[in-house]
N, C-alpha and C. Protein backbone atom coordinates (compact mmCIF):
# COMPACT_ATOMS: atom_id res chain seq x y z
N MET A 1 182.87 23.75 0.19
CA MET A 1 182.28 25.11 0.20
C MET A 1 180.73 25.00 0.86
N SER A 2 179.92 24.22 0.32
CA SER A 2 178.49 24.19 0.76
C SER A 2 178.42 23.90 2.21
N LEU A 3 179.33 23.26 2.79
CA LEU A 3 179.24 22.90 4.20
C LEU A 3 179.80 24.04 5.18
N VAL A 4 181.04 24.45 4.79
CA VAL A 4 181.96 25.24 5.57
C VAL A 4 181.48 26.64 5.69
N ARG A 5 181.18 27.19 4.57
CA ARG A 5 180.83 28.71 4.65
C ARG A 5 179.47 28.95 5.48
N PRO A 6 178.49 28.31 5.45
CA PRO A 6 177.28 28.62 6.21
C PRO A 6 177.73 28.44 7.63
N ILE A 7 178.67 27.41 8.04
CA ILE A 7 178.77 27.25 9.43
C ILE A 7 179.89 28.36 9.90
N VAL A 8 180.72 28.85 9.10
CA VAL A 8 181.55 29.75 9.57
C VAL A 8 180.65 31.27 9.77
N GLU A 9 179.78 31.62 8.69
CA GLU A 9 178.87 32.67 8.69
C GLU A 9 177.80 32.73 10.03
N TYR A 10 177.40 31.66 10.31
CA TYR A 10 176.45 31.29 11.54
C TYR A 10 177.24 31.57 12.80
N GLY A 11 178.49 30.96 12.90
CA GLY A 11 179.23 30.93 14.20
C GLY A 11 179.84 32.64 14.17
N ALA A 12 179.99 33.34 13.16
CA ALA A 12 180.41 34.70 13.22
C ALA A 12 179.13 35.61 13.67
N ALA A 13 178.06 35.21 13.11
CA ALA A 13 176.78 36.17 13.54
C ALA A 13 176.33 35.74 15.00
N CYS A 14 176.59 34.55 15.42
CA CYS A 14 176.04 34.44 16.79
C CYS A 14 177.13 34.95 17.75
N TRP A 15 178.30 34.77 17.40
CA TRP A 15 179.52 35.06 18.31
C TRP A 15 179.74 36.49 18.19
N ASP A 16 179.65 37.12 17.11
CA ASP A 16 179.76 38.65 16.97
C ASP A 16 181.04 39.30 17.56
N PRO A 17 182.13 38.61 17.02
CA PRO A 17 183.35 39.11 17.95
C PRO A 17 183.60 40.60 17.53
N TYR A 18 184.16 41.44 18.54
CA TYR A 18 184.56 42.71 18.41
C TYR A 18 186.01 43.11 18.41
N ARG A 19 186.59 42.30 19.00
CA ARG A 19 188.28 42.32 19.16
C ARG A 19 188.80 42.22 17.94
N GLU A 20 189.81 42.83 17.49
CA GLU A 20 190.44 42.84 16.21
C GLU A 20 191.14 41.38 16.07
N CYS A 21 191.84 40.79 17.17
CA CYS A 21 192.49 39.66 16.91
C CYS A 21 191.38 38.29 16.72
N GLN A 22 190.07 38.58 17.16
CA GLN A 22 189.06 37.64 16.97
C GLN A 22 188.73 37.70 15.42
N ILE A 23 188.58 38.91 15.02
CA ILE A 23 187.85 39.15 13.67
C ILE A 23 188.94 38.75 12.76
N SER A 24 190.36 38.96 12.94
CA SER A 24 191.35 38.45 12.00
C SER A 24 191.41 37.01 11.99
N ALA A 25 191.20 36.18 13.11
CA ALA A 25 191.28 34.78 13.35
C ALA A 25 190.24 34.21 12.40
N LEU A 26 189.00 34.80 12.48
CA LEU A 26 187.71 34.39 11.56
C LEU A 26 188.01 34.66 10.21
N ASP A 27 188.56 35.80 9.78
CA ASP A 27 189.12 36.06 8.54
C ASP A 27 190.09 34.93 7.99
N CYS A 28 190.98 34.77 8.77
CA CYS A 28 191.97 33.79 8.41
C CYS A 28 191.32 32.43 7.91
N VAL A 29 190.39 31.89 8.75
CA VAL A 29 189.58 30.71 8.50
C VAL A 29 188.96 30.94 6.95
N GLN A 30 188.21 32.14 6.96
CA GLN A 30 187.64 32.33 5.71
C GLN A 30 188.44 32.16 4.45
N ASN A 31 189.62 33.04 4.58
CA ASN A 31 190.55 32.87 3.55
C ASN A 31 191.13 31.47 3.24
N LYS A 32 191.19 30.63 4.26
CA LYS A 32 191.69 29.18 3.96
C LYS A 32 190.62 28.34 3.31
N VAL A 33 189.34 28.67 3.65
CA VAL A 33 188.21 27.95 3.12
C VAL A 33 187.99 28.26 1.51
N ALA A 34 188.26 29.74 1.39
CA ALA A 34 188.28 30.28 -0.03
C ALA A 34 189.31 29.70 -0.87
N LYS A 35 190.61 29.52 -0.32
CA LYS A 35 191.57 28.74 -1.09
C LYS A 35 191.30 27.48 -1.40
N PHE A 36 190.83 26.78 -0.32
CA PHE A 36 190.44 25.40 -0.71
C PHE A 36 189.17 25.25 -1.79
N ALA A 37 188.12 26.16 -1.48
CA ALA A 37 187.04 25.99 -2.51
C ALA A 37 187.42 26.44 -3.92
N HIS A 38 188.14 27.26 -3.97
CA HIS A 38 188.36 27.91 -5.24
C HIS A 38 189.75 27.54 -5.85
N HIS A 39 190.56 26.97 -5.17
CA HIS A 39 191.97 26.38 -5.70
C HIS A 39 192.88 27.69 -5.96
N SER A 40 192.42 28.71 -5.48
CA SER A 40 193.27 30.06 -5.41
C SER A 40 192.91 30.88 -4.33
N GLY A 41 193.70 32.12 -4.36
CA GLY A 41 193.26 33.10 -3.28
C GLY A 41 192.20 33.92 -3.64
N ASP A 42 191.72 33.79 -4.87
CA ASP A 42 190.77 34.84 -5.35
C ASP A 42 189.19 34.19 -4.96
N SER A 43 188.41 34.99 -4.37
CA SER A 43 187.07 34.66 -4.21
C SER A 43 186.28 35.96 -4.08
N ASP A 44 184.99 35.75 -4.54
CA ASP A 44 184.04 36.90 -4.69
C ASP A 44 183.09 36.95 -3.41
N TRP A 45 183.49 36.20 -2.17
CA TRP A 45 182.78 36.12 -1.08
C TRP A 45 182.82 37.52 -0.50
N GLU A 46 181.96 38.00 0.27
CA GLU A 46 181.80 39.16 1.07
C GLU A 46 182.53 38.87 2.29
N SER A 47 183.17 39.83 3.03
CA SER A 47 183.70 39.55 4.43
C SER A 47 182.86 39.25 5.41
N LEU A 48 183.39 38.41 6.48
CA LEU A 48 182.52 38.17 7.44
C LEU A 48 181.91 39.34 8.34
N VAL A 49 182.81 40.39 8.32
CA VAL A 49 182.29 41.80 8.88
C VAL A 49 181.01 42.19 8.38
N GLN A 50 181.10 42.24 6.96
CA GLN A 50 179.92 42.60 6.19
C GLN A 50 178.69 41.54 6.46
N CYS A 51 179.18 40.29 6.37
CA CYS A 51 177.91 39.40 6.80
C CYS A 51 177.38 39.50 8.14
N ARG A 52 178.14 39.79 9.05
CA ARG A 52 177.63 40.02 10.35
C ARG A 52 176.58 41.14 10.52
N LYS A 53 177.06 42.37 9.84
CA LYS A 53 176.34 43.44 9.84
C LYS A 53 174.95 43.25 9.09
N THR A 54 175.05 42.52 7.94
CA THR A 54 173.84 42.22 7.36
C THR A 54 172.85 41.25 8.28
N GLU A 55 173.36 40.26 8.81
CA GLU A 55 172.66 39.41 9.92
C GLU A 55 172.12 40.23 10.89
N CYS A 56 172.85 41.08 11.55
CA CYS A 56 172.19 41.77 12.59
C CYS A 56 170.96 42.66 12.17
N MET A 57 171.24 43.37 11.05
CA MET A 57 170.04 44.06 10.48
C MET A 57 168.81 43.17 10.30
N CYS A 58 169.18 41.95 9.88
CA CYS A 58 167.93 40.90 9.73
C CYS A 58 167.35 40.79 10.81
N VAL A 59 168.11 40.32 11.87
CA VAL A 59 167.49 39.83 13.18
C VAL A 59 166.71 41.15 13.67
N LEU A 60 167.17 42.30 13.71
CA LEU A 60 166.53 43.52 14.20
C LEU A 60 165.14 43.89 13.52
N TYR A 61 165.15 43.50 12.12
CA TYR A 61 163.94 43.82 11.44
C TYR A 61 162.97 42.64 11.67
N LYS A 62 163.37 41.47 11.85
CA LYS A 62 162.38 40.41 12.49
C LYS A 62 162.02 40.57 13.78
N ALA A 63 162.76 41.18 14.46
CA ALA A 63 162.37 41.16 16.06
C ALA A 63 161.40 42.40 16.16
N TYR A 64 161.46 43.64 15.38
CA TYR A 64 160.51 44.60 15.51
C TYR A 64 159.36 44.56 14.48
N ARG A 65 159.40 43.58 13.64
CA ARG A 65 158.38 43.51 12.70
C ARG A 65 156.96 42.87 13.22
């Protein structure tokens, strides 16, 4: 969990997919990682869409600060 989740978040923020098939592919990877990390389908992780929005806001804030 400590290795895969940050890599997936970083890749999603850098790549910033906008097509539905790309977003669903990343969500599929996140779901597989969550199942592996938690040994079930339940996880309290926020979606990668929300992570990308947060990361974009952080980058904009840092750029204009």
